[in-house]
């Protein structure tokens, strides 16, 4: 792989990490907003408020609400529950040690 393609891949990975961290931060705030019923005066649900306030579709907002529900069940700090198979936000900027190989490559092929 050429150096410029490697650098492009690095920039993509760094941007993805920043997006993951920002999403985690947003979901933490949404969880608090929902817990405190900040949406209750004018909306039927936190998802409706989130869709209105952020321009997300209602389906996407519901997904965000569901994600913070998973966090709530996992633990107060947002760490994944045992056996959940999810990576925590702290791992968002650390890619797996070895990237997946394309089919038909690598040892034993």
C-alpha atoms as a PDB file:
ATOM      1  CA  UNK A   1       0.000   0.000   0.000  1.00  0.00           C
ATOM      2  CA  UNK A   2       1.372   3.405  -0.875  1.00  0.00           C
ATOM      3  CA  UNK A   3       2.137   5.940   1.845  1.00  0.00           C
ATOM      4  CA  UNK A   4      -0.617   8.300   0.700  1.00  0.00           C
ATOM      5  CA  UNK A   5      -3.233   5.513   0.841  1.00  0.00           C
ATOM      6  CA  UNK A   6      -2.001   4.491   4.277  1.00  0.00           C
ATOM      7  CA  UNK A   7      -2.276   8.120   5.434  1.00  0.00           C
ATOM      8  CA  UNK A   8      -5.790   8.378   3.975  1.00  0.00           C
ATOM      9  CA  UNK A   9      -6.764   5.232   5.868  1.00  0.00           C
ATOM     10  CA  UNK A  10      -5.315   6.693   9.068  1.00  0.00           C
ATOM     11  CA  UNK A  11      -7.303   9.903   8.629  1.00  0.00           C
ATOM     12  CA  UNK A  12     -10.494   7.882   8.110  1.00  0.00           C
ATOM     13  CA  UNK A  13      -9.811   5.836  11.255  1.00  0.00           C
ATOM     14  CA  UNK A  14      -9.087   8.968  13.310  1.00  0.00           C
ATOM     15  CA  UNK A  15     -12.281  10.640  12.120  1.00  0.00           C
ATOM     16  CA  UNK A  16     -14.284   7.506  12.923  1.00  0.00           C
ATOM     17  CA  UNK A  17     -12.800   7.502  16.439  1.00  0.00           C
ATOM     18  CA  UNK A  18     -13.778  11.144  16.963  1.00  0.00           C
ATOM     19  CA  UNK A  19     -17.305  10.415  15.719  1.00  0.00           C
ATOM     20  CA  UNK A  20     -17.582   7.414  18.064  1.00  0.00           C
ATOM     21  CA  UNK A  21     -16.439   9.482  21.040  1.00  0.00           C
ATOM     22  CA  UNK A  22     -18.819  12.335  20.161  1.00  0.00           C
ATOM     23  CA  UNK A  23     -21.675   9.845  19.774  1.00  0.00           C
ATOM     24  CA  UNK A  24     -20.884   8.344  23.175  1.00  0.00           C
ATOM     25  CA  UNK A  25     -20.883  11.846  24.703  1.00  0.00           C
ATOM     26  CA  UNK A  26     -24.201  12.666  23.022  1.00  0.00           C
ATOM     27  CA  UNK A  27     -25.816   9.434  24.213  1.00  0.00           C
ATOM     28  CA  UNK A  28     -24.620  10.136  27.746  1.00  0.00           C
ATOM     29  CA  UNK A  29     -26.347  13.536  27.614  1.00  0.00           C
ATOM     30  CA  UNK A  30     -29.467  12.038  26.023  1.00  0.00           C
ATOM     31  CA  UNK A  31     -29.628   9.463  28.820  1.00  0.00           C
ATOM     32  CA  UNK A  32     -29.570  12.228  31.429  1.00  0.00           C
ATOM     33  CA  UNK A  33     -32.127  14.300  29.491  1.00  0.00           C
ATOM     34  CA  UNK A  34     -34.395  11.245  29.258  1.00  0.00           C
ATOM     35  CA  UNK A  35     -33.902  10.322  32.915  1.00  0.00           C
ATOM     36  CA  UNK A  36     -34.907  13.850  33.914  1.00  0.00           C
ATOM     37  CA  UNK A  37     -37.855  13.815  31.457  1.00  0.00           C
ATOM     38  CA  UNK A  38     -36.658  16.977  29.709  1.00  0.00           C
ATOM     39  CA  UNK A  39     -38.858  16.101  26.751  1.00  0.00           C
ATOM     40  CA  UNK A  40     -42.106  15.569  28.718  1.00  0.00           C
ATOM     41  CA  UNK A  41     -43.617  19.082  28.450  1.00  0.00           C
ATOM     42  CA  UNK A  42     -44.061  19.048  24.673  1.00  0.00           C
ATOM     43  CA  UNK A  43     -43.300  15.570  23.371  1.00  0.00           C
ATOM     44  CA  UNK A  44     -44.630  12.058  23.860  1.00  0.00           C
ATOM     45  CA  UNK A  45     -41.140  10.557  24.140  1.00  0.00           C
ATOM     46  CA  UNK A  46     -37.480  11.414  24.303  1.00  0.00           C
ATOM     47  CA  UNK A  47     -37.092   9.915  20.817  1.00  0.00           C
ATOM     48  CA  UNK A  48     -39.641  12.388  19.415  1.00  0.00           C
ATOM     49  CA  UNK A  49     -37.812  15.271  21.062  1.00  0.00           C
ATOM     50  CA  UNK A  50     -34.430  14.014  19.815  1.00  0.00           C
ATOM     51  CA  UNK A  51     -35.741  13.665  16.253  1.00  0.00           C
ATOM     52  CA  UNK A  52     -37.161  17.208  16.383  1.00  0.00           C
ATOM     53  CA  UNK A  53     -34.105  18.769  18.007  1.00  0.00           C
ATOM     54  CA  UNK A  54     -31.387  17.063  15.953  1.00  0.00           C
ATOM     55  CA  UNK A  55     -33.074  16.519  12.599  1.00  0.00           C
ATOM     56  CA  UNK A  56     -32.728  12.754  12.872  1.00  0.00           C
ATOM     57  CA  UNK A  57     -35.467  10.521  11.626  1.00  0.00           C
ATOM     58  CA  UNK A  58     -37.707   9.168  14.362  1.00  0.00           C
ATOM     59  CA  UNK A  59     -36.344   5.679  13.671  1.00  0.00           C
ATOM     60  CA  UNK A  60     -32.749   6.881  14.140  1.00  0.00           C
ATOM     61  CA  UNK A  61     -33.701   8.741  17.317  1.00  0.00           C
ATOM     62  CA  UNK A  62     -35.360   5.596  18.665  1.00  0.00           C
ATOM     63  CA  UNK A  63     -32.138   3.727  17.918  1.00  0.00           C
ATOM     64  CA  UNK A  64     -30.190   6.321  19.892  1.00  0.00           C
ATOM     65  CA  UNK A  65     -32.605   5.967  22.811  1.00  0.00           C
ATOM     66  CA  UNK A  66     -32.303   2.170  22.635  1.00  0.00           C
ATOM     67  CA  UNK A  67     -28.504   2.501  22.633  1.00  0.00           C
ATOM     68  CA  UNK A  68     -28.531   4.498  25.827  1.00  0.00           C
ATOM     69  CA  UNK A  69     -30.930   1.926  27.301  1.00  0.00           C
ATOM     70  CA  UNK A  70     -28.280  -0.719  26.643  1.00  0.00           C
ATOM     71  CA  UNK A  71     -25.745   1.509  28.400  1.00  0.00           C
ATOM     72  CA  UNK A  72     -28.070   1.912  31.375  1.00  0.00           C
ATOM     73  CA  UNK A  73     -28.406  -1.851  31.735  1.00  0.00           C
ATOM     74  CA  UNK A  74     -24.685  -2.435  31.180  1.00  0.00           C
ATOM     75  CA  UNK A  75     -23.412  -0.206  33.951  1.00  0.00           C
ATOM     76  CA  UNK A  76     -23.359   3.329  35.248  1.00  0.00           C
ATOM     77  CA  UNK A  77     -20.071   4.111  33.507  1.00  0.00           C
ATOM     78  CA  UNK A  78     -21.324   2.875  30.133  1.00  0.00           C
ATOM     79  CA  UNK A  79     -19.017  -0.105  30.095  1.00  0.00           C
ATOM     80  CA  UNK A  80     -20.500  -3.062  28.278  1.00  0.00           C
ATOM     81  CA  UNK A  81     -22.175  -5.750  30.317  1.00  0.00           C
ATOM     82  CA  UNK A  82     -20.574  -9.152  30.621  1.00  0.00           C
ATOM     83  CA  UNK A  83     -21.039 -11.192  27.484  1.00  0.00           C
ATOM     84  CA  UNK A  84     -22.484  -8.301  25.506  1.00  0.00           C
ATOM     85  CA  UNK A  85     -19.870  -8.508  22.777  1.00  0.00           C
ATOM     86  CA  UNK A  86     -19.794  -4.707  22.571  1.00  0.00           C
ATOM     87  CA  UNK A  87     -16.705  -2.568  22.787  1.00  0.00           C
ATOM     88  CA  UNK A  88     -16.702   0.337  25.225  1.00  0.00           C
ATOM     89  CA  UNK A  89     -16.249   3.964  24.186  1.00  0.00           C
ATOM     90  CA  UNK A  90     -12.701   3.927  25.527  1.00  0.00           C
ATOM     91  CA  UNK A  91     -11.923   1.297  22.882  1.00  0.00           C
ATOM     92  CA  UNK A  92     -13.446   3.354  20.062  1.00  0.00           C
ATOM     93  CA  UNK A  93     -10.105   4.844  19.036  1.00  0.00           C
ATOM     94  CA  UNK A  94      -8.167   1.605  19.361  1.00  0.00           C
ATOM     95  CA  UNK A  95      -8.630  -0.604  16.316  1.00  0.00           C
ATOM     96  CA  UNK A  96      -8.267  -4.370  16.641  1.00  0.00           C
ATOM     97  CA  UNK A  97      -4.634  -5.504  16.817  1.00  0.00           C
ATOM     98  CA  UNK A  98      -4.872  -7.176  13.425  1.00  0.00           C
ATOM     99  CA  UNK A  99      -7.219  -5.952  10.697  1.00  0.00           C
ATOM    100  CA  UNK A 100      -9.404  -8.625   9.107  1.00  0.00           C
ATOM    101  CA  UNK A 101      -7.913 -10.312   6.087  1.00  0.00           C
ATOM    102  CA  UNK A 102      -9.580 -10.444   2.710  1.00  0.00           C
ATOM    103  CA  UNK A 103     -10.852 -13.862   1.706  1.00  0.00           C
ATOM    104  CA  UNK A 104      -8.223 -16.038   0.132  1.00  0.00           C
ATOM    105  CA  UNK A 105      -5.265 -14.283   1.727  1.00  0.00           C
ATOM    106  CA  UNK A 106      -3.031 -15.004   4.652  1.00  0.00           C
ATOM    107  CA  UNK A 107      -1.450 -18.136   6.078  1.00  0.00           C
ATOM    108  CA  UNK A 108      -2.817 -21.505   5.085  1.00  0.00           C
ATOM    109  CA  UNK A 109      -4.449 -20.325   1.877  1.00  0.00           C
END
